Amino acid sequence: QTKQQKIATESKDGFLSIGIAVTSFFHLDHKDPMVKDLFRNRYATNPNQAMEEATRIYLSMMDNVSLAVAVSKYFDRLLKGIDKVGSMVPAIVKADQKLLDQLNGELQKGSNKLVTLPHMADRCAILQRELDLFYAQRLIVPDFSMDQITLGQQRGTGTFAKVYEGTLRQGLVDLQVAVKVPIDELRSRDVTDVLLEESMLRDLQHKHIVKYYGMCRSGTDNNLRLTFIMEYCPFTLKDKCVEVGNSPSSLGRTPDRQREVIQNLTKYLIQISSGLTYLHNISIVHRDLKPENVLLNVQDDVKIADLGLAKKVKDASTCAGSPIFMAPEVLLIGDKYDTKADIYSFAMIMWELWYGKDVSLYAAVEIQGSLKNALESKWRPSLSIVHSPSNNWKDIIKQCWQQDPKQRPT
């Protein structure tokens, strides 16, 4: 091929396009630590955000000097002399016009998708809820009947359910259980979340996660309720450790008793860590970790409970949980977050256990203005109150409540 034939052939693939030539001059360096972290770690949890950051890095390379160098290299490679440049201008303009037309076409397709896809997603969500409701009303097989359940004293109440102490009769055996009874009947808007929670509870098997025994149905189609039967635990961590007057801080003048309490609290924290590690290893974020949701059985062992807000990491984006225990990225950004949000909550639990104070009440006195504004300013509860934590305890708390989730331990 002559040079002119080669140019004519390659121009069909955009060889003459200044736009293609210049943009091809720039590239992301796969050896750069920031780029490696972006695509090895962050892309897996939030691909949209990762690509947005990659685009920002790419565009930041295109300053005036770099663009001038790229254009100069283009002309040096393809054309020699001003007369040659002049003769090739129509072909160059045509190639770039073709590129612009292609980009415009892609933008139009993207705009159409922005209109069509949300509508399709909404319709699919409605169909999903209708199918799930049909499944719950007609197909689901309960593990127990309500006749096997005897309700006792109410132990707690939440937004969606009440929890009772109860007895499950299985043949000649009576088992003490916790019975979670929905406040409202099952509705199409809630059914998918309820079924996902039930499926998650059924799959979880760990000595420091509250045990799920099964489900029973009550009512008919219009007032159907799915009642969950779980392991009975008589206490919460808050019952035993918060506002009860036996915290390490309050026992600062009695070292022997303080040492004994610290040893017991350390056991609780190790067991919470064990349960969290299990959840995080299967990519589940608890999202509402706090002393009220950490139960203690009759053997005084930890059982992490109330997994109604728990989500797979890829689905964790909504703002859920108790505000004072929420990590900054959850409360402030509300974008995708991961298991590191639970690590922040763990730090707040450690603070409550050391001082024996309700951190919500403490924050209400200390914070002037909103919690969001305080967290933006990196507010944390004080670690300098009388009889402050040991250095080791304090270091763990500080690591776990770092503002940047990447700086928190796993």
Protein backbone atom coordinates (compact mmCIF):
# COMPACT_ATOMS: atom_id res chain seq x y z
CA GLN A 1 0.00 0.00 0.00
CA THR A 2 1.08 3.56 -0.73
CA LYS A 3 0.91 6.05 2.12
CA GLN A 4 -2.20 7.63 0.57
CA GLN A 5 -3.90 4.22 0.29
CA LYS A 6 -3.01 3.44 3.90
CA ILE A 7 -4.43 6.79 5.02
CA ALA A 8 -7.60 6.22 3.00
CA THR A 9 -8.04 2.74 4.48
CA GLU A 10 -7.37 3.72 8.07
CA SER A 11 -9.57 6.79 7.85
CA LYS A 12 -12.56 4.47 7.68
CA ASP A 13 -11.78 3.46 11.28
CA GLY A 14 -11.35 7.00 12.49
CA PHE A 15 -7.64 7.21 11.79
CA LEU A 16 -8.00 10.81 10.62
CA SER A 17 -10.15 11.92 13.55
CA ILE A 18 -8.40 14.46 15.78
CA GLY A 19 -10.87 13.59 18.55
CA ILE A 20 -9.96 9.90 18.52
CA ALA A 21 -6.24 10.59 18.18
CA VAL A 22 -6.12 13.09 21.04
CA THR A 23 -8.28 11.09 23.47
CA SER A 24 -6.23 7.97 22.71
CA PHE A 25 -3.12 9.87 23.81
CA PHE A 26 -4.35 9.80 27.42
CA HIS A 27 -4.87 6.68 29.51
CA LEU A 28 -5.18 5.56 33.12
CA ASP A 29 -2.00 4.03 34.48
CA HIS A 30 -2.94 0.57 35.81
CA LYS A 31 0.16 0.66 38.04
CA ASP A 32 -1.00 3.80 39.83
CA PRO A 33 -2.09 2.85 43.43
CA MET A 34 -5.22 5.01 43.19
CA VAL A 35 -6.29 3.39 39.91
CA LYS A 36 -5.53 -0.11 41.23
CA ASP A 37 -7.63 0.50 44.35
CA LEU A 38 -10.43 1.96 42.22
CA PHE A 39 -10.88 -1.10 40.02
CA ARG A 40 -9.77 -3.87 42.38
CA ASN A 41 -11.79 -2.81 45.43
CA ARG A 42 -14.22 0.05 44.96
CA TYR A 43 -15.59 -1.07 41.57
CA ALA A 44 -16.94 -4.29 43.13
CA THR A 45 -19.10 -2.46 45.69
CA ASN A 46 -20.09 0.61 43.67
CA PRO A 47 -19.30 0.41 39.93
CA ASN A 48 -21.11 3.65 39.07
CA GLN A 49 -19.13 5.68 41.59
CA ALA A 50 -15.88 3.99 40.55
CA MET A 51 -16.42 4.82 36.87
CA GLU A 52 -17.34 8.40 37.78
CA GLU A 53 -14.06 8.72 39.69
CA ALA A 54 -12.12 7.11 36.82
CA THR A 55 -13.66 9.63 34.40
CA ARG A 56 -12.70 12.50 36.70
CA ILE A 57 -9.08 11.27 36.84
CA TYR A 58 -9.00 10.84 33.04
CA LEU A 59 -10.37 14.34 32.36
CA SER A 60 -7.95 15.89 34.87
CA MET A 61 -5.08 14.81 32.59
CA MET A 62 -6.35 17.04 29.77
CA ASP A 63 -4.85 20.40 30.63
CA ASN A 64 -3.93 22.90 27.90
CA VAL A 65 -0.29 21.84 27.69
CA SER A 66 -1.08 18.12 27.45
CA LEU A 67 -3.73 18.71 24.79
CA ALA A 68 -1.28 20.80 22.75
CA VAL A 69 1.29 18.00 22.92
CA ALA A 70 -1.30 15.43 21.83
CA VAL A 71 -2.45 17.52 18.85
CA SER A 72 1.17 18.19 17.86
CA LYS A 73 1.97 14.46 17.92
CA TYR A 74 -1.10 13.82 15.77
CA PHE A 75 0.06 16.20 13.04
CA ASP A 76 3.70 15.08 13.27
CA ARG A 77 2.64 11.47 12.76
CA LEU A 78 0.19 11.99 9.92
CA LEU A 79 1.10 15.11 7.99
CA LYS A 80 4.23 16.88 6.76
CA GLY A 81 4.14 20.53 5.73
CA ILE A 82 1.43 23.17 5.73
CA ASP A 83 0.28 22.31 2.18
CA LYS A 84 -0.33 18.73 3.23
CA VAL A 85 -2.30 19.93 6.25
CA GLY A 86 -4.48 22.10 4.03
CA SER A 87 -5.24 19.28 1.59
CA MET A 88 -6.26 16.95 4.41
CA VAL A 89 -8.53 19.38 6.29
CA PRO A 90 -11.79 18.22 4.62
CA ALA A 91 -11.04 14.58 5.44
CA ILE A 92 -10.12 15.46 9.03
CA VAL A 93 -13.29 17.52 9.49
CA LYS A 94 -15.37 14.68 8.02
CA ALA A 95 -13.79 12.12 10.37
CA ASP A 96 -14.41 14.28 13.43
CA GLN A 97 -17.98 15.02 12.32
CA LYS A 98 -18.54 11.28 12.10
CA LEU A 99 -17.16 10.90 15.63
CA LEU A 100 -19.45 13.66 16.92
CA ASP A 101 -22.45 12.04 15.22
CA GLN A 102 -21.61 8.72 16.87
CA LEU A 103 -21.26 10.36 20.28
CA ASN A 104 -24.53 12.24 19.82
CA GLY A 105 -26.27 8.99 18.86
CA GLU A 106 -24.94 7.30 21.98
CA LEU A 107 -26.11 10.23 24.12
CA GLN A 108 -29.58 10.00 22.58
CA LYS A 109 -29.73 6.28 23.33
CA GLY A 110 -28.58 7.00 26.88
CA SER A 111 -31.26 9.65 27.32
CA ASN A 112 -33.92 7.24 26.09
CA LYS A 113 -32.69 4.63 28.57
CA LEU A 114 -32.86 7.17 31.40
CA VAL A 115 -36.56 7.60 30.60
CA THR A 116 -37.40 3.97 29.83
CA LEU A 117 -35.38 1.99 32.37
CA PRO A 118 -36.73 3.62 35.57
CA HIS A 119 -40.29 3.00 34.33
CA MET A 120 -39.43 -0.63 33.57
CA ALA A 121 -37.72 -1.01 36.98
CA ASP A 122 -40.78 0.39 38.76
CA ARG A 123 -43.05 -1.98 36.87
CA CYS A 124 -40.80 -4.95 37.67
CA ALA A 125 -40.81 -3.99 41.36
CA ILE A 126 -44.62 -3.93 41.36
CA LEU A 127 -44.76 -7.35 39.69
CA GLN A 128 -42.19 -8.67 42.18
CA ARG A 129 -44.33 -7.52 45.12
CA GLU A 130 -47.48 -9.02 43.60
CA LEU A 131 -45.76 -12.37 43.06
CA ASP A 132 -44.27 -12.33 46.56
CA LEU A 133 -47.67 -11.59 48.09
CA PHE A 134 -49.22 -14.46 46.12
CA TYR A 135 -46.42 -16.73 47.36
CA ALA A 136 -46.98 -15.67 50.98
CA GLN A 137 -50.76 -16.06 50.74
CA ARG A 138 -50.95 -19.31 48.76
CA LEU A 139 -47.67 -21.18 48.53
CA ILE A 140 -45.45 -20.61 51.56
CA VAL A 141 -45.21 -23.60 53.91
CA PRO A 142 -45.03 -22.60 57.61
CA ASP A 143 -42.71 -24.45 59.97
CA PHE A 144 -45.18 -24.34 62.86
CA SER A 145 -48.86 -23.64 63.49
CA MET A 146 -50.04 -20.89 65.82
CA ASP A 147 -51.59 -23.64 67.99
CA GLN A 148 -48.06 -24.67 68.93
CA ILE A 149 -47.24 -21.18 70.25
CA THR A 150 -48.17 -19.80 73.67
CA LEU A 151 -47.42 -16.10 74.10
CA GLY A 152 -46.14 -14.78 77.40
CA GLN A 153 -44.84 -11.40 78.52
CA GLN A 154 -44.06 -8.75 75.91
CA ARG A 155 -40.30 -8.17 75.88
CA GLY A 156 -39.97 -5.37 73.36
CA THR A 157 -41.58 -3.41 70.58
CA GLY A 158 -40.32 -1.80 67.40
CA THR A 159 -41.61 0.01 64.37
CA PHE A 160 -42.84 -3.14 62.67
CA ALA A 161 -43.24 -5.84 65.32
CA LYS A 162 -43.64 -6.74 68.97
CA VAL A 163 -41.49 -9.41 70.60
CA TYR A 164 -42.94 -11.76 73.22
CA GLU A 165 -41.49 -14.38 75.46
CA GLY A 166 -43.24 -17.59 74.47
CA THR A 167 -43.37 -21.37 74.45
CA LEU A 168 -43.10 -23.59 71.38
CA ARG A 169 -44.67 -27.04 71.80
CA GLN A 170 -43.09 -29.80 69.72
CA GLY A 171 -44.58 -33.15 70.72
CA LEU A 172 -43.82 -33.66 74.39
CA VAL A 173 -41.15 -30.94 74.45
CA ASP A 174 -41.79 -27.29 75.36
CA LEU A 175 -39.10 -24.88 74.18
CA GLN A 176 -38.78 -21.34 75.52
CA VAL A 177 -38.63 -19.00 72.53
CA ALA A 178 -38.92 -15.39 71.42
CA VAL A 179 -41.93 -14.69 69.20
CA LYS A 180 -41.78 -11.74 66.80
CA VAL A 181 -45.35 -10.76 65.90
CA PRO A 182 -45.92 -8.14 63.16
CA ILE A 183 -47.93 -5.09 64.24
CA ASP A 184 -49.65 -4.75 60.86
CA GLU A 185 -50.94 -7.30 58.39
CA LEU A 186 -48.71 -8.22 55.46
CA ARG A 187 -49.03 -5.71 52.61
CA SER A 188 -47.69 -5.71 49.08
CA ARG A 189 -45.34 -2.80 49.82
CA ASP A 190 -43.67 -4.75 52.68
CA VAL A 191 -43.88 -8.38 51.58
CA THR A 192 -40.61 -8.54 49.62
CA ASP A 193 -38.58 -7.16 52.55
CA VAL A 194 -40.30 -9.57 54.97
CA LEU A 195 -39.55 -12.59 52.78
CA LEU A 196 -35.94 -11.47 52.29
CA GLU A 197 -35.52 -11.11 56.07
CA GLU A 198 -37.03 -14.55 56.65
CA SER A 199 -34.76 -16.13 54.04
CA MET A 200 -31.69 -14.42 55.51
CA LEU A 201 -32.53 -15.52 59.07
CA ARG A 202 -33.01 -19.09 57.87
CA ASP A 203 -29.56 -19.13 56.25
CA LEU A 204 -27.61 -17.63 59.16
CA GLN A 205 -25.90 -20.23 61.35
CA HIS A 206 -23.44 -18.89 63.93
CA LYS A 207 -23.08 -19.23 67.68
CA HIS A 208 -23.18 -15.46 68.18
CA ILE A 209 -26.13 -14.76 65.85
CA VAL A 210 -29.58 -15.29 67.36
CA LYS A 211 -30.95 -18.65 66.20
CA TYR A 212 -34.01 -18.71 63.95
CA TYR A 213 -36.34 -21.70 64.45
CA GLY A 214 -38.93 -20.98 61.80
CA MET A 215 -42.12 -19.19 60.86
CA CYS A 216 -45.87 -19.60 61.34
CA ARG A 217 -48.84 -17.94 59.66
CA SER A 218 -51.91 -16.33 61.16
CA GLY A 219 -54.95 -14.71 59.59
CA THR A 220 -56.31 -14.90 56.06
CA ASP A 221 -55.31 -13.15 52.84
CA ASN A 222 -56.50 -9.71 53.92
CA ASN A 223 -54.96 -9.81 57.41
CA LEU A 224 -52.11 -12.28 56.95
CA ARG A 225 -49.19 -12.11 59.37
CA LEU A 226 -45.93 -14.07 59.28
CA THR A 227 -44.70 -14.62 62.83
CA PHE A 228 -41.02 -15.47 63.40
CA ILE A 229 -39.91 -17.90 66.13
CA MET A 230 -36.40 -17.33 67.46
CA GLU A 231 -34.03 -18.24 70.26
CA TYR A 232 -35.02 -16.71 73.59
CA CYS A 233 -32.50 -14.41 75.26
CA PRO A 234 -33.57 -12.76 78.54
CA PHE A 235 -31.30 -9.69 78.41
CA THR A 236 -29.82 -7.13 76.06
CA LEU A 237 -26.35 -5.65 76.35
CA LYS A 238 -28.01 -2.36 77.27
CA ASP A 239 -29.93 -4.00 80.13
CA LYS A 240 -26.69 -5.20 81.70
CA CYS A 241 -24.20 -2.49 80.86
CA VAL A 242 -25.78 0.93 80.20
CA GLU A 243 -27.07 3.24 82.96
CA VAL A 244 -26.66 0.53 85.62
CA GLY A 245 -23.78 1.98 87.66
CA ASN A 246 -21.15 -0.72 87.17
CA SER A 247 -19.16 0.57 84.19
CA PRO A 248 -15.34 0.60 84.15
CA SER A 249 -15.47 4.40 84.35
CA SER A 250 -17.66 4.39 87.46
CA LEU A 251 -15.39 1.81 89.11
CA GLY A 252 -12.18 3.77 88.57
CA ARG A 253 -11.51 3.97 92.31
CA THR A 254 -11.91 0.20 92.83
CA PRO A 255 -9.31 -1.35 90.48
CA ASP A 256 -10.04 -4.99 91.33
CA ARG A 257 -13.75 -4.65 90.61
CA GLN A 258 -13.00 -2.55 87.51
CA ARG A 259 -10.65 -5.23 86.19
CA GLU A 260 -13.34 -7.87 86.62
CA VAL A 261 -15.92 -5.78 84.75
CA ILE A 262 -13.45 -5.00 81.93
CA GLN A 263 -12.74 -8.70 81.54
CA ASN A 264 -16.46 -9.46 81.17
CA LEU A 265 -17.03 -6.59 78.72
CA THR A 266 -14.03 -7.74 76.68
CA LYS A 267 -15.69 -11.15 76.38
CA TYR A 268 -18.83 -9.49 75.04
CA LEU A 269 -16.84 -7.44 72.52
CA ILE A 270 -14.92 -10.47 71.27
CA GLN A 271 -18.19 -12.33 70.77
CA ILE A 272 -19.76 -9.37 68.94
CA SER A 273 -16.66 -9.26 66.71
CA SER A 274 -17.02 -12.97 66.00
CA GLY A 275 -20.66 -12.56 64.95
CA LEU A 276 -19.86 -9.49 62.84
CA THR A 277 -16.98 -11.27 61.13
CA TYR A 278 -19.37 -14.04 60.13
CA LEU A 279 -21.89 -11.56 58.71
CA HIS A 280 -19.24 -9.52 56.90
CA ASN A 281 -17.61 -12.62 55.40
CA ILE A 282 -20.91 -13.37 53.66
CA SER A 283 -21.22 -9.69 52.62
CA ILE A 284 -24.02 -8.76 55.02
CA VAL A 285 -24.13 -5.33 56.70
CA HIS A 286 -26.18 -5.32 59.93
CA ARG A 287 -26.96 -1.56 59.65
CA ASP A 288 -28.48 -1.23 63.14
CA LEU A 289 -25.81 -2.48 65.53
CA LYS A 290 -26.35 -1.10 69.05
CA PRO A 291 -26.55 -2.49 72.62
CA GLU A 292 -30.34 -2.97 72.37
CA ASN A 293 -29.81 -5.33 69.43
CA VAL A 294 -27.09 -7.39 71.10
CA LEU A 295 -28.83 -10.04 73.19
CA LEU A 296 -27.46 -12.18 76.04
CA ASN A 297 -28.70 -15.73 76.58
CA VAL A 298 -28.99 -17.55 79.91
CA GLN A 299 -25.30 -18.53 79.63
CA ASP A 300 -24.44 -14.81 79.29
CA ASP A 301 -23.21 -15.25 75.72
CA VAL A 302 -23.76 -12.67 72.98
CA LYS A 303 -26.37 -13.19 70.28
CA ILE A 304 -26.56 -10.46 67.61
CA ALA A 305 -30.22 -9.87 66.77
CA ASP A 306 -32.70 -7.64 64.95
CA LEU A 307 -31.43 -8.28 61.44
CA GLY A 308 -34.54 -6.76 59.87
CA LEU A 309 -32.47 -3.90 58.43
CA ALA A 310 -29.54 -6.11 57.39
CA LYS A 311 -28.63 -6.01 53.71
CA LYS A 312 -26.20 -7.55 51.28
CA VAL A 313 -23.37 -5.08 50.68
CA LYS A 314 -24.41 -4.53 47.03
CA ASP A 315 -27.90 -3.46 48.19
CA ALA A 316 -26.84 -1.25 51.10
CA SER A 317 -27.58 2.34 50.13
CA THR A 318 -30.63 3.52 52.05
CA CYS A 319 -30.24 5.42 55.31
CA ALA A 320 -31.30 2.94 57.99
CA GLY A 321 -30.58 2.39 61.67
CA SER A 322 -30.30 4.46 64.84
CA PRO A 323 -28.79 7.88 63.97
CA ILE A 324 -26.23 8.18 66.77
CA PHE A 325 -24.80 4.75 65.84
CA MET A 326 -24.75 5.51 62.10
CA ALA A 327 -21.41 5.92 60.37
CA PRO A 328 -20.82 9.35 58.74
CA GLU A 329 -20.99 7.88 55.23
CA VAL A 330 -24.47 6.51 55.99
CA LEU A 331 -25.94 9.61 57.61
CA LEU A 332 -24.19 12.28 55.53
CA ILE A 333 -23.85 10.75 52.09
CA GLY A 334 -26.51 8.03 51.97
CA ASP A 335 -24.71 6.47 48.99
CA LYS A 336 -23.47 2.91 48.76
CA TYR A 337 -21.61 1.81 51.88
CA ASP A 338 -20.22 -1.45 53.15
CA THR A 339 -19.37 -3.48 56.25
CA LYS A 340 -17.16 -0.68 57.59
CA ALA A 341 -20.40 1.08 58.65
CA ASP A 342 -20.87 -1.65 61.29
CA ILE A 343 -17.31 -1.08 62.54
CA TYR A 344 -18.21 2.54 63.35
CA SER A 345 -21.26 1.30 65.30
CA PHE A 346 -18.97 -1.12 67.16
CA ALA A 347 -16.87 1.84 68.33
CA MET A 348 -19.96 3.57 69.73
CA ILE A 349 -20.87 0.37 71.58
CA MET A 350 -17.37 0.28 73.11
CA TRP A 351 -17.82 3.88 74.29
CA GLU A 352 -21.18 3.06 75.92
CA LEU A 353 -19.78 -0.03 77.63
CA TRP A 354 -16.81 1.84 79.10
CA TYR A 355 -18.73 4.82 80.42
CA GLY A 356 -22.06 3.07 81.05
CA LYS A 357 -23.79 6.06 79.47
CA ASP A 358 -26.47 6.20 76.80
CA VAL A 359 -24.57 7.87 73.95
CA SER A 360 -27.81 9.32 72.53
CA LEU A 361 -28.51 11.18 75.78
CA TYR A 362 -24.88 12.28 76.01
CA ALA A 363 -24.95 13.60 72.42
CA ALA A 364 -28.20 15.48 73.02
CA VAL A 365 -26.43 17.56 75.70
CA GLU A 366 -23.08 17.93 73.92
CA ILE A 367 -24.17 18.71 70.36
CA GLN A 368 -25.38 22.19 69.50
CA GLY A 369 -27.38 21.85 66.30
CA SER A 370 -27.96 18.75 64.20
CA LEU A 371 -26.14 15.44 64.40
CA LYS A 372 -25.36 15.70 60.68
CA ASN A 373 -23.55 19.01 61.16
CA ALA A 374 -21.67 17.57 64.13
CA LEU A 375 -20.51 14.55 62.13
CA GLU A 376 -19.42 16.78 59.25
CA SER A 377 -17.17 18.47 61.82
CA LYS A 378 -15.94 15.00 62.91
CA TRP A 379 -17.63 15.15 66.33
CA ARG A 380 -17.21 12.09 68.53
CA PRO A 381 -18.18 11.50 72.17
CA SER A 382 -15.37 12.43 74.53
CA LEU A 383 -12.79 9.88 75.63
CA SER A 384 -11.52 12.20 78.36
CA ILE A 385 -14.37 11.92 80.86
CA VAL A 386 -13.21 10.95 84.36
CA HIS A 387 -11.58 7.50 84.52
CA SER A 388 -11.10 7.35 80.75
CA PRO A 389 -10.42 4.09 78.87
CA SER A 390 -7.04 2.40 78.88
CA ASN A 391 -4.78 3.24 75.95
CA ASN A 392 -5.50 -0.07 74.19
CA TRP A 393 -9.27 0.35 74.56
CA LYS A 394 -9.05 3.98 73.45
CA ASP A 395 -6.90 3.12 70.40
CA ILE A 396 -9.42 0.53 69.20
CA ILE A 397 -12.30 3.01 69.55
CA LYS A 398 -10.39 5.69 67.62
CA GLN A 399 -9.51 3.28 64.81
CA CYS A 400 -13.09 2.03 64.53
CA TRP A 401 -14.75 5.45 64.34
CA GLN A 402 -12.39 6.98 61.77
CA GLN A 403 -14.21 9.40 59.45
CA ASP A 404 -12.81 7.64 56.38
CA PRO A 405 -14.26 4.10 56.29
CA LYS A 406 -11.16 2.79 54.49
CA GLN A 407 -9.12 3.66 57.60
CA ARG A 408 -11.27 1.49 59.89
CA PRO A 409 -10.20 -2.08 60.67
CA THR A 410 -12.10 -5.07 59.35
